[in-house]
Amino acid sequence: MTATTLNLKEIQGIILGGYDHLKTSRYLFLQIEDVTQVKEWLARRSDLVVTAAHWPKGSDGKPQKPQNCLNIAFTYEGLEKLGVPTEGFTAEFCQGMAGPRSPDHQTHADRSKRLGDTGANAPQNWEFGGPFNPPIHILLLLFAYDQDGIEAFQAQIFPASDQAGLKIVAQQDTYRPKESREPFGFRDGISQPFIEGFDRGRKSNDTVQPAVKAGEFILGYRNEFGLLPPMPSASQLGPNGSYLVYRKLEQDVVGFWNFMYKEAKGDPKTAEWLAAKFVGRWTSGAPLVLAPDEDNPKIGENLSQNNNFQFAKLDPSGYACPIGSHIRRTNPRDSLQPDPIASLDAVRKHRLIRRGRVYGPKYPAHVVKHLTELARQKGLLQFAEELVSPRGLAFVALNADIKRQFEFVQQTWVNDPTFEGLYTNRDPLLANDDDPISGTNRMTIQRRPIRKEVRCLPRFVTMKGGDYFFLPGMEGLKFIASKP
């Protein structure tokens, strides 16, 4: 079998790298108003799009990292608007995250329901995207060192004199927080798949995470089935492209920690333990499988250790990391039935590349200490006003098959109440019931001699908007701009 060789100059850079050196980012959701102007604008701006090609080295031998990065993706409606042939695109991409738009905007397919987007998460409550808001045609992903850099970069992309024929219908500013911690305070972005043909950043002792076939994420390469993933019929459009999933997830930080402290009867150590059981890691990023009794920041900070483990070998019964915890659901590794080898093979067919970033006020570094002190003093939590401000995660995932990868994980692992033999247990972070008072969703914590059940889970994360996008390769981007 020949080794996979990726055409890095044709692949948009966001697929294979998260631009970690650029801490500030902005997502612009655009509506096309003038097709001719947009095509001319795309042709002029394609040279600003950053690819996955290796950065040139300076005189000191170090890579010269770009000061700004731009990537461009399109919805199905956007491609239709631009006159691009849409034969061959997958059904889920064509329908969109909320299902097909109806003429009266009142009905849509059950695609959103299978994702768990019901109740407060339903499309009619979204801030953007879906059938009840202005259509989104193009997504721009902008990255810079700081906020001033983002503003200058956007001005370069949309100068006042440039009538691009585009209208901004939504904007989301995001950033990479210190230590890559998400709003609840946990180190995030640890478990990323290694891609065959692209070993940049992989440690030599990452022995338990085999590389995943490139075709799981990038069109034009063989996937884990040994097949080429389905591609658009236009030969120039598909190769080196990918499908991008965007979801704005608002996190109730106050509610999350209030719930943990209430269940822990105000004891800070127990609250931290319970939160870690929900997530599957301690706040430092140390996995419970490797640090079952207390947090170990050295493991959490060790990039060659904090993801180098399996469940079935070290924790088959879930006594360290509960079976229904967030990280065990979204990446079961070797723990699925009938055996570890079959599990690893199955999981490789459902992996995602995640490029999410945080939005909202920067997470206060003192928050854990602050919560602990308040719990000691008052036995309950009362937060300063700045901690109540909306914050959350701009979730970005890349995959070659939305239905088999993102939708499968969301429907079969996250939302399934009977995941791996559990009962009325959905993902404790992402898949809360619409009616928590009924107590029908719970978190089971396996332990000896008697398991612990935490009931009546409130909604910690709320879906605020999103859609499915196609991220073309560079040849595809030029084809879109030049298509009459």
Protein backbone atom coordinates (compact mmCIF):
# COMPACT_ATOMS: atom_id res chain seq x y z
CA MET A 1 0.00 0.00 0.00
CA THR A 2 1.42 3.36 -0.98
CA ALA A 3 1.66 6.15 1.56
CA THR A 4 -0.84 8.99 1.35
CA THR A 5 0.58 12.22 -0.07
CA LEU A 6 -1.53 15.28 0.61
CA ASN A 7 -1.57 18.20 -1.80
CA LEU A 8 -1.04 20.77 0.96
CA LYS A 9 -1.00 23.76 -1.40
CA GLU A 10 -4.56 22.92 -2.49
CA ILE A 11 -6.02 22.33 1.01
CA GLN A 12 -7.37 25.28 3.00
CA GLY A 13 -5.24 25.65 6.11
CA ILE A 14 -7.99 25.42 8.76
CA ILE A 15 -8.38 21.70 8.03
CA LEU A 16 -4.88 20.74 9.11
CA GLY A 17 -4.08 23.51 11.60
CA GLY A 18 -5.85 25.75 14.08
CA TYR A 19 -3.59 28.82 13.71
CA ASP A 20 -2.74 28.60 17.41
CA HIS A 21 -0.35 31.58 17.21
CA LEU A 22 -3.24 33.84 16.14
CA LYS A 23 -5.25 34.28 19.34
CA THR A 24 -8.05 36.46 17.94
CA SER A 25 -10.60 35.34 15.36
CA ARG A 26 -13.84 36.39 13.73
CA TYR A 27 -16.50 34.47 11.83
CA LEU A 28 -18.49 36.50 9.29
CA PHE A 29 -21.75 35.06 7.94
CA LEU A 30 -22.54 36.69 4.61
CA GLN A 31 -25.50 36.99 2.28
CA ILE A 32 -24.99 37.44 -1.47
CA GLU A 33 -26.70 40.51 -2.91
CA ASP A 34 -24.94 40.80 -6.27
CA VAL A 35 -23.59 37.59 -7.82
CA THR A 36 -21.31 39.30 -10.36
CA GLN A 37 -19.67 41.49 -7.73
CA VAL A 38 -19.21 38.52 -5.38
CA LYS A 39 -17.48 36.45 -8.06
CA GLU A 40 -15.15 39.34 -8.85
CA TRP A 41 -14.48 39.79 -5.14
CA LEU A 42 -13.71 36.07 -4.69
CA ALA A 43 -11.27 36.17 -7.60
CA ARG A 44 -9.45 39.15 -6.04
CA ARG A 45 -9.37 37.76 -2.50
CA SER A 46 -8.39 34.14 -3.18
CA ASP A 47 -4.72 35.10 -2.80
CA LEU A 48 -5.40 35.93 0.87
CA VAL A 49 -6.66 32.42 1.63
CA VAL A 50 -4.10 30.47 3.66
CA THR A 51 -3.41 26.86 2.65
CA ALA A 52 -1.95 23.93 4.58
CA ALA A 53 1.41 24.29 2.82
CA HIS A 54 4.44 24.46 5.08
CA TRP A 55 5.34 28.01 6.02
CA PRO A 56 8.66 29.29 4.67
CA LYS A 57 11.59 29.43 7.08
CA GLY A 58 13.42 32.60 7.97
CA SER A 59 17.16 33.12 8.29
CA ASP A 60 16.99 31.71 11.83
CA GLY A 61 15.53 28.46 10.52
CA LYS A 62 12.17 29.03 12.20
CA PRO A 63 8.86 29.04 10.28
CA GLN A 64 7.63 32.50 9.30
CA LYS A 65 4.08 32.36 10.58
CA PRO A 66 1.49 34.51 8.81
CA GLN A 67 0.12 37.52 10.68
CA ASN A 68 -3.37 36.98 9.26
CA CYS A 69 -5.25 33.95 7.97
CA LEU A 70 -8.42 33.71 5.90
CA ASN A 71 -10.53 30.71 4.93
CA ILE A 72 -13.78 30.67 2.96
CA ALA A 73 -16.73 28.23 3.02
CA PHE A 74 -20.16 28.14 1.33
CA THR A 75 -23.63 26.87 2.18
CA TYR A 76 -25.61 24.89 -0.38
CA GLU A 77 -27.82 27.94 -0.94
CA GLY A 78 -24.70 30.04 -1.49
CA LEU A 79 -23.37 27.70 -4.17
CA GLU A 80 -26.78 27.68 -5.85
CA LYS A 81 -26.88 31.47 -5.76
CA LEU A 82 -23.45 31.61 -7.43
CA GLY A 83 -24.59 29.28 -10.20
CA VAL A 84 -22.24 26.47 -9.17
CA PRO A 85 -23.36 22.96 -10.20
CA THR A 86 -24.53 21.22 -7.02
CA GLU A 87 -24.94 17.65 -8.29
CA GLY A 88 -23.11 15.13 -6.12
CA PHE A 89 -23.22 17.03 -2.83
CA THR A 90 -24.49 14.99 0.11
CA ALA A 91 -28.15 15.25 1.14
CA GLU A 92 -27.41 16.55 4.62
CA PHE A 93 -25.30 19.41 3.24
CA CYS A 94 -28.02 20.28 0.72
CA GLN A 95 -30.73 20.28 3.41
CA GLY A 96 -28.71 22.24 5.94
CA MET A 97 -28.44 21.81 9.68
CA ALA A 98 -32.10 22.66 10.34
CA GLY A 99 -33.52 20.87 7.30
CA PRO A 100 -34.88 22.25 4.01
CA ARG A 101 -36.27 25.76 4.10
CA SER A 102 -40.03 25.77 3.47
CA PRO A 103 -41.86 28.52 1.55
CA ASP A 104 -43.69 29.72 4.68
CA HIS A 105 -40.67 29.26 6.98
CA GLN A 106 -42.92 27.30 9.33
CA THR A 107 -41.91 23.70 8.71
CA HIS A 108 -38.65 21.91 8.15
CA ALA A 109 -37.30 18.36 8.07
CA ASP A 110 -36.38 16.46 11.20
CA ARG A 111 -32.64 16.96 10.67
CA SER A 112 -32.51 19.36 13.62
CA LYS A 113 -34.45 16.90 15.79
CA ARG A 114 -31.95 14.11 15.21
CA LEU A 115 -29.24 16.52 16.37
CA GLY A 116 -31.12 17.21 19.59
CA ASP A 117 -31.97 20.76 18.50
CA THR A 118 -35.38 20.85 20.19
CA GLY A 119 -36.93 22.98 22.91
CA ALA A 120 -34.60 25.85 23.74
CA ASN A 121 -32.20 24.52 21.08
CA ALA A 122 -34.81 24.55 18.28
CA PRO A 123 -34.08 26.53 15.08
CA GLN A 124 -36.84 29.06 15.77
CA ASN A 125 -34.77 30.22 18.75
CA TRP A 126 -31.49 30.58 16.86
CA GLU A 127 -29.78 33.95 16.49
CA PHE A 128 -28.72 33.10 12.92
CA GLY A 129 -29.02 30.22 10.47
CA GLY A 130 -31.98 27.92 9.96
CA PRO A 131 -35.29 28.68 8.24
CA PHE A 132 -36.36 31.58 10.45
CA ASN A 133 -33.42 33.94 9.85
CA PRO A 134 -31.93 35.60 6.74
CA PRO A 135 -30.17 33.02 4.56
CA ILE A 136 -26.43 32.53 4.95
CA HIS A 137 -24.45 32.00 1.76
CA ILE A 138 -20.78 32.39 2.70
CA LEU A 139 -18.71 31.98 5.86
CA LEU A 140 -15.43 33.85 6.26
CA LEU A 141 -13.02 32.71 8.97
CA LEU A 142 -10.56 35.48 9.91
CA PHE A 143 -7.58 35.11 12.26
CA ALA A 144 -5.12 37.69 13.62
CA TYR A 145 -2.83 38.34 16.59
CA ASP A 146 -5.21 40.73 18.35
CA GLN A 147 -8.44 42.70 17.96
CA ASP A 148 -6.77 45.57 16.12
CA GLY A 149 -5.33 43.03 13.70
CA ILE A 150 -8.77 41.56 13.04
CA GLU A 151 -10.25 44.98 12.33
CA ALA A 152 -7.40 45.86 9.95
CA PHE A 153 -7.67 42.48 8.22
CA GLN A 154 -11.41 42.84 7.70
CA ALA A 155 -10.84 46.33 6.28
CA GLN A 156 -8.33 44.80 3.87
CA ILE A 157 -10.85 42.17 2.79
CA PHE A 158 -13.73 44.67 2.58
CA PRO A 159 -12.22 48.09 1.83
CA ALA A 160 -14.69 50.96 1.70
CA SER A 161 -14.13 51.31 -2.03
CA ASP A 162 -14.83 47.62 -2.72
CA GLN A 163 -18.51 46.98 -3.49
CA ALA A 164 -18.30 43.24 -2.99
CA GLY A 165 -22.02 42.57 -3.31
CA LEU A 166 -22.11 41.00 0.17
CA LYS A 167 -24.09 41.74 3.31
CA ILE A 168 -23.02 40.69 6.81
CA VAL A 169 -25.99 38.96 8.48
CA ALA A 170 -24.12 37.71 11.58
CA GLN A 171 -20.72 38.12 13.16
CA GLN A 172 -19.03 36.16 15.94
CA ASP A 173 -15.77 37.29 17.54
CA THR A 174 -13.81 34.51 19.22
CA TYR A 175 -10.41 33.89 20.76
CA ARG A 176 -8.05 31.23 22.08
CA PRO A 177 -7.98 31.58 25.87
CA LYS A 178 -4.97 31.00 28.07
CA GLU A 179 -4.17 27.28 28.40
CA SER A 180 -6.90 26.60 25.80
CA ARG A 181 -9.60 26.38 28.47
CA GLU A 182 -13.26 26.45 27.49
CA PRO A 183 -15.73 28.57 29.53
CA PHE A 184 -16.48 25.91 32.16
CA GLY A 185 -12.76 26.04 32.94
CA PHE A 186 -11.54 22.76 31.42
CA ARG A 187 -8.59 22.43 29.07
CA ASP A 188 -10.08 21.74 25.63
CA GLY A 189 -9.03 20.64 22.15
CA ILE A 190 -6.85 17.80 23.41
CA SER A 191 -8.22 14.82 21.52
CA GLN A 192 -7.57 15.57 17.85
CA PRO A 193 -7.14 12.78 15.29
CA PHE A 194 -3.79 12.25 13.62
CA ILE A 195 -4.20 12.31 9.85
CA GLU A 196 -2.39 9.87 7.59
CA GLY A 197 0.10 11.78 5.45
CA PHE A 198 0.26 14.68 7.90
CA ASP A 199 2.30 14.00 11.05
CA ARG A 200 3.01 17.59 12.02
CA GLY A 201 2.76 17.90 15.81
CA ARG A 202 2.51 14.16 16.52
CA LYS A 203 4.66 12.85 19.36
CA SER A 204 6.72 9.70 18.86
CA ASN A 205 5.19 7.97 21.89
CA ASP A 206 1.55 8.47 20.88
CA THR A 207 1.24 4.73 20.50
CA VAL A 208 -2.47 4.25 21.20
CA GLN A 209 -3.85 6.78 18.72
CA PRO A 210 -3.28 5.39 15.20
CA ALA A 211 -3.48 7.80 12.30
CA VAL A 212 -6.87 8.14 10.59
CA LYS A 213 -7.15 7.97 6.79
CA ALA A 214 -7.11 11.41 5.17
CA GLY A 215 -10.34 10.66 3.31
CA GLU A 216 -12.24 10.89 6.59
CA PHE A 217 -11.65 14.63 6.49
CA ILE A 218 -10.55 15.65 3.00
CA LEU A 219 -12.28 14.81 -0.29
CA GLY A 220 -10.23 13.09 -2.96
CA TYR A 221 -8.38 10.71 -0.60
CA ARG A 222 -9.29 7.21 0.59
CA ASN A 223 -11.21 6.90 3.85
CA GLU A 224 -11.29 4.19 6.54
CA PHE A 225 -13.39 1.99 4.25
CA GLY A 226 -10.68 2.14 1.58
CA LEU A 227 -12.99 4.21 -0.62
CA LEU A 228 -13.00 7.73 -1.99
CA PRO A 229 -15.69 9.76 -0.24
CA PRO A 230 -18.56 11.03 -2.43
CA MET A 231 -17.67 14.26 -4.21
CA PRO A 232 -19.49 16.93 -6.25
CA SER A 233 -19.92 16.02 -9.87
CA ALA A 234 -17.95 19.04 -11.10
CA SER A 235 -14.42 17.64 -11.25
CA GLN A 236 -12.77 20.92 -10.19
CA LEU A 237 -14.99 21.43 -7.15
CA GLY A 238 -14.43 18.45 -4.86
CA PRO A 239 -10.74 17.54 -4.56
CA ASN A 240 -9.03 18.75 -1.36
CA GLY A 241 -12.30 20.13 0.01
CA SER A 242 -14.13 19.31 3.24
CA TYR A 243 -17.46 19.88 4.98
CA LEU A 244 -17.47 22.34 7.86
CA VAL A 245 -19.99 22.21 10.72
CA TYR A 246 -20.53 25.44 12.68
CA ARG A 247 -22.54 25.58 15.92
CA LYS A 248 -22.70 28.46 18.39
CA LEU A 249 -23.01 26.84 21.82
CA GLU A 250 -23.77 29.13 24.74
CA GLN A 251 -22.52 27.76 28.07
CA ASP A 252 -24.23 28.47 31.40
CA VAL A 253 -21.08 28.78 33.50
CA VAL A 254 -22.96 30.04 36.55
CA GLY A 255 -25.53 27.28 36.31
CA PHE A 256 -22.88 24.60 35.81
CA TRP A 257 -20.85 25.43 38.90
CA ASN A 258 -23.90 26.25 40.99
CA PHE A 259 -25.22 22.76 40.20
CA MET A 260 -21.90 21.12 41.11
CA TYR A 261 -21.63 22.94 44.43
CA LYS A 262 -25.26 22.26 45.28
CA GLU A 263 -24.80 18.53 44.64
CA ALA A 264 -21.55 18.65 46.63
CA LYS A 265 -23.32 20.43 49.52
CA GLY A 266 -20.88 23.32 49.20
CA ASP A 267 -17.68 21.28 49.44
CA PRO A 268 -15.19 22.61 46.83
CA LYS A 269 -13.22 19.37 46.47
CA THR A 270 -16.36 17.31 45.91
CA ALA A 271 -17.69 19.88 43.42
CA GLU A 272 -14.48 19.70 41.41
CA TRP A 273 -14.60 15.89 41.52
CA LEU A 274 -18.21 15.82 40.31
CA ALA A 275 -17.51 18.27 37.47
CA ALA A 276 -14.56 16.13 36.38
CA LYS A 277 -16.81 13.05 36.35
CA PHE A 278 -19.23 14.85 34.02
CA VAL A 279 -16.44 15.86 31.64
CA GLY A 280 -14.07 12.89 31.96
CA ARG A 281 -11.07 15.12 32.66
CA TRP A 282 -9.91 17.40 35.43
CA THR A 283 -9.79 21.12 34.72
CA SER A 284 -6.06 20.85 33.90
CA GLY A 285 -6.87 18.42 31.09
CA ALA A 286 -5.59 15.36 32.93
CA PRO A 287 -7.86 12.42 31.99
CA LEU A 288 -9.53 10.56 34.85
CA VAL A 289 -8.21 7.30 33.41
CA LEU A 290 -4.64 8.43 34.20
CA ALA A 291 -5.46 10.54 37.29
CA PRO A 292 -8.49 8.85 38.90
CA ASP A 293 -8.30 10.31 42.41
CA GLU A 294 -7.19 13.93 42.03
CA ASP A 295 -6.06 16.41 39.43
CA ASN A 296 -2.53 16.06 38.11
CA PRO A 297 -1.61 19.26 36.18
CA LYS A 298 1.67 17.72 34.99
CA ILE A 299 -0.30 15.11 33.04
CA GLY A 300 -2.77 17.74 31.84
CA GLU A 301 0.00 19.91 30.42
CA ASN A 302 1.92 16.99 28.87
CA LEU A 303 0.74 16.91 25.24
CA SER A 304 2.28 13.48 24.65
CA GLN A 305 0.57 11.98 27.71
CA ASN A 306 -2.83 13.61 28.23
CA ASN A 307 -4.33 11.90 25.17
CA ASN A 308 -2.27 8.71 25.19
CA PHE A 309 -4.67 6.23 26.80
CA GLN A 310 -7.49 3.77 26.15
CA PHE A 311 -10.57 3.00 28.23
CA ALA A 312 -11.04 -0.79 27.93
CA LYS A 313 -7.51 -1.61 29.04
CA LEU A 314 -7.30 0.79 32.00
CA ASP A 315 -10.90 1.43 33.03
CA PRO A 316 -13.35 -1.08 31.48
CA SER A 317 -16.08 -0.57 34.12
CA GLY A 318 -15.94 3.22 34.22
CA TYR A 319 -14.85 3.47 37.85
CA ALA A 320 -12.30 6.15 36.97
CA CYS A 321 -13.95 7.80 33.94
CA PRO A 322 -17.74 7.24 33.90
CA ILE A 323 -19.10 5.48 30.82
CA GLY A 324 -21.49 8.36 30.15
CA SER A 325 -18.95 11.19 30.60
CA HIS A 326 -18.56 13.72 27.82
CA ILE A 327 -15.15 12.63 26.54
CA ARG A 328 -16.02 8.93 26.66
CA ARG A 329 -19.15 9.50 24.59
CA THR A 330 -17.62 11.75 21.94
CA ASN A 331 -14.53 9.52 21.54
CA PRO A 332 -15.15 6.03 23.00
CA ARG A 333 -11.75 4.81 21.81
CA ASP A 334 -11.54 1.06 22.55
CA SER A 335 -14.54 0.81 24.89
CA LEU A 336 -17.38 -0.08 22.48
CA GLN A 337 -18.69 -3.62 22.20
CA PRO A 338 -17.94 -6.28 21.16
CA ASP A 339 -14.18 -5.88 21.66
CA PRO A 340 -11.42 -3.22 21.79
CA ILE A 341 -10.06 -3.90 18.29
CA ALA A 342 -13.50 -3.63 16.68
CA SER A 343 -14.18 -0.51 18.76
CA LEU A 344 -11.03 1.27 17.60
CA ASP A 345 -11.89 0.41 14.00
CA ALA A 346 -15.45 1.74 14.40
CA VAL A 347 -14.41 4.92 16.18
CA ARG A 348 -11.91 5.83 13.43
CA LYS A 349 -14.91 6.01 11.06
CA HIS A 350 -16.57 8.70 13.17
CA ARG A 351 -13.75 11.06 14.11
CA LEU A 352 -13.92 14.85 13.74
CA ILE A 353 -11.32 17.58 13.41
CA ARG A 354 -12.35 20.31 15.86
CA ARG A 355 -11.33 23.96 15.43
CA GLY A 356 -13.65 25.61 17.94
CA ARG A 357 -12.86 28.83 19.80
CA VAL A 358 -14.32 30.64 22.79
CA TYR A 359 -16.56 33.71 22.63
CA GLY A 360 -17.70 36.14 25.30
CA PRO A 361 -15.77 37.88 28.11
CA LYS A 362 -12.44 36.25 28.81
CA TYR A 363 -12.73 33.59 31.46
CA PRO A 364 -11.39 35.05 34.73
CA ALA A 365 -8.25 33.26 35.85
CA HIS A 366 -9.38 33.54 39.47
CA VAL A 367 -12.82 32.02 38.92
CA VAL A 368 -12.17 28.63 40.54
CA LYS A 369 -10.57 30.28 43.56
CA HIS A 370 -13.45 32.74 43.69
CA LEU A 371 -16.07 29.99 43.63
CA THR A 372 -14.25 28.00 46.27
CA GLU A 373 -14.00 30.97 48.61
CA LEU A 374 -17.67 31.88 48.20
CA ALA A 375 -18.67 28.30 48.86
CA ARG A 376 -16.67 28.29 52.09
CA GLN A 377 -18.10 31.59 53.26
CA LYS A 378 -21.75 31.24 52.32
CA GLY A 379 -22.37 27.65 51.38
CA LEU A 380 -23.75 28.82 48.03
CA LEU A 381 -22.58 30.66 44.97
CA GLN A 382 -23.31 34.24 44.05
CA PHE A 383 -21.46 35.55 41.02
CA ALA A 384 -20.32 39.00 40.08
CA GLU A 385 -22.17 40.50 37.10
CA GLU A 386 -19.27 39.96 34.71
CA LEU A 387 -19.47 36.20 35.25
CA VAL A 388 -23.10 36.15 34.11
CA SER A 389 -22.37 37.64 30.67
CA PRO A 390 -23.03 35.22 27.76
CA ARG A 391 -20.05 33.11 26.85
CA GLY A 392 -19.58 29.85 25.09
CA LEU A 393 -17.94 27.93 22.28
CA ALA A 394 -17.99 28.57 18.55
CA PHE A 395 -17.86 24.88 17.64
CA VAL A 396 -16.22 24.18 14.29
CA ALA A 397 -15.80 20.62 13.02
CA LEU A 398 -14.41 19.32 9.74
CA ASN A 399 -15.31 15.99 8.15
CA ALA A 400 -15.79 14.39 4.75
CA ASP A 401 -19.18 12.87 5.59
CA ILE A 402 -21.45 15.00 7.81
CA LYS A 403 -24.01 12.22 8.32
CA ARG A 404 -21.54 9.44 9.17
CA GLN A 405 -19.28 11.61 11.29
CA PHE A 406 -20.77 14.69 12.96
CA GLU A 407 -24.42 13.63 12.88
CA PHE A 408 -23.60 10.09 13.99
CA VAL A 409 -21.65 11.33 17.01
CA GLN A 410 -24.40 13.79 17.91
CA GLN A 411 -27.29 11.34 17.49
CA THR A 412 -25.84 7.96 18.44
CA TRP A 413 -23.28 8.81 21.10
CA VAL A 414 -24.24 12.22 22.54
CA ASN A 415 -28.04 11.99 22.51
CA ASP A 416 -28.58 8.24 23.00
CA PRO A 417 -29.94 7.64 26.54
CA THR A 418 -28.94 3.96 26.35
CA PHE A 419 -25.32 4.54 25.30
CA GLU A 420 -23.21 1.49 26.22
CA GLY A 421 -25.85 -0.08 28.44
CA LEU A 422 -26.85 3.06 30.35
CA TYR A 423 -30.44 4.10 31.02
CA THR A 424 -31.87 7.64 30.64
CA ASN A 425 -28.30 8.95 30.42
CA ARG A 426 -27.54 11.44 27.68
CA ASP A 427 -24.37 13.49 27.39
CA PRO A 428 -24.33 15.44 30.69
CA LEU A 429 -23.03 18.60 28.98
CA LEU A 430 -24.58 18.72 25.50
CA ALA A 431 -27.79 16.66 25.50
CA ASN A 432 -29.85 17.84 28.43
CA ASP A 433 -33.61 17.22 28.47
CA ASP A 434 -36.06 19.97 27.55
CA ASP A 435 -37.79 19.28 30.89
CA PRO A 436 -35.12 18.78 33.57
CA ILE A 437 -37.74 18.96 36.34
CA SER A 438 -39.02 15.54 35.27
CA GLY A 439 -35.64 14.05 36.13
CA THR A 440 -35.65 11.87 33.03
CA ASN A 441 -32.03 12.72 32.23
CA ARG A 442 -29.39 11.76 34.73
CA MET A 443 -25.68 11.12 35.07
CA THR A 444 -24.61 7.71 36.36
CA ILE A 445 -21.23 7.56 38.09
CA GLN A 446 -19.94 4.01 38.36
CA ARG A 447 -18.27 3.29 41.70
CA ARG A 448 -17.94 0.62 44.38
CA PRO A 449 -19.96 -0.60 46.21
CA ILE A 450 -22.93 1.44 44.95
CA ARG A 451 -23.09 3.64 41.88
CA LYS A 452 -24.07 7.29 42.23
CA GLU A 453 -26.88 8.81 40.19
CA VAL A 454 -27.16 12.56 39.69
CA ARG A 455 -30.68 13.46 38.58
CA CYS A 456 -32.59 16.43 37.17
CA LEU A 457 -29.71 17.80 35.12
CA PRO A 458 -30.40 21.37 33.96
CA ARG A 459 -29.44 22.60 30.51
CA PHE A 460 -25.80 23.67 30.66
CA VAL A 461 -25.31 24.30 26.91
CA THR A 462 -27.78 25.95 24.51
CA MET A 463 -27.57 25.94 20.72
CA LYS A 464 -27.72 29.52 19.37
CA GLY A 465 -27.21 29.08 15.62
CA GLY A 466 -25.23 27.41 12.89
CA ASP A 467 -25.22 25.61 9.55
CA TYR A 468 -23.36 23.19 7.28
CA PHE A 469 -20.73 24.58 4.90
CA PHE A 470 -18.56 23.30 2.09
CA LEU A 471 -14.90 24.32 2.36
CA PRO A 472 -13.50 23.91 -1.18
CA GLY A 473 -9.92 23.26 -2.13
CA MET A 474 -8.04 26.09 -3.81
CA GLU A 475 -8.89 24.83 -7.30
CA GLY A 476 -12.53 24.60 -6.26
CA LEU A 477 -12.46 28.13 -4.86
CA LYS A 478 -11.14 29.47 -8.17
CA PHE A 479 -13.76 27.42 -10.03
CA ILE A 480 -16.54 28.99 -7.94
CA ALA A 481 -15.21 32.48 -8.68
CA SER A 482 -14.85 31.86 -12.41
CA LYS A 483 -18.02 29.85 -13.12
CA PRO A 484 -20.23 31.96 -15.45
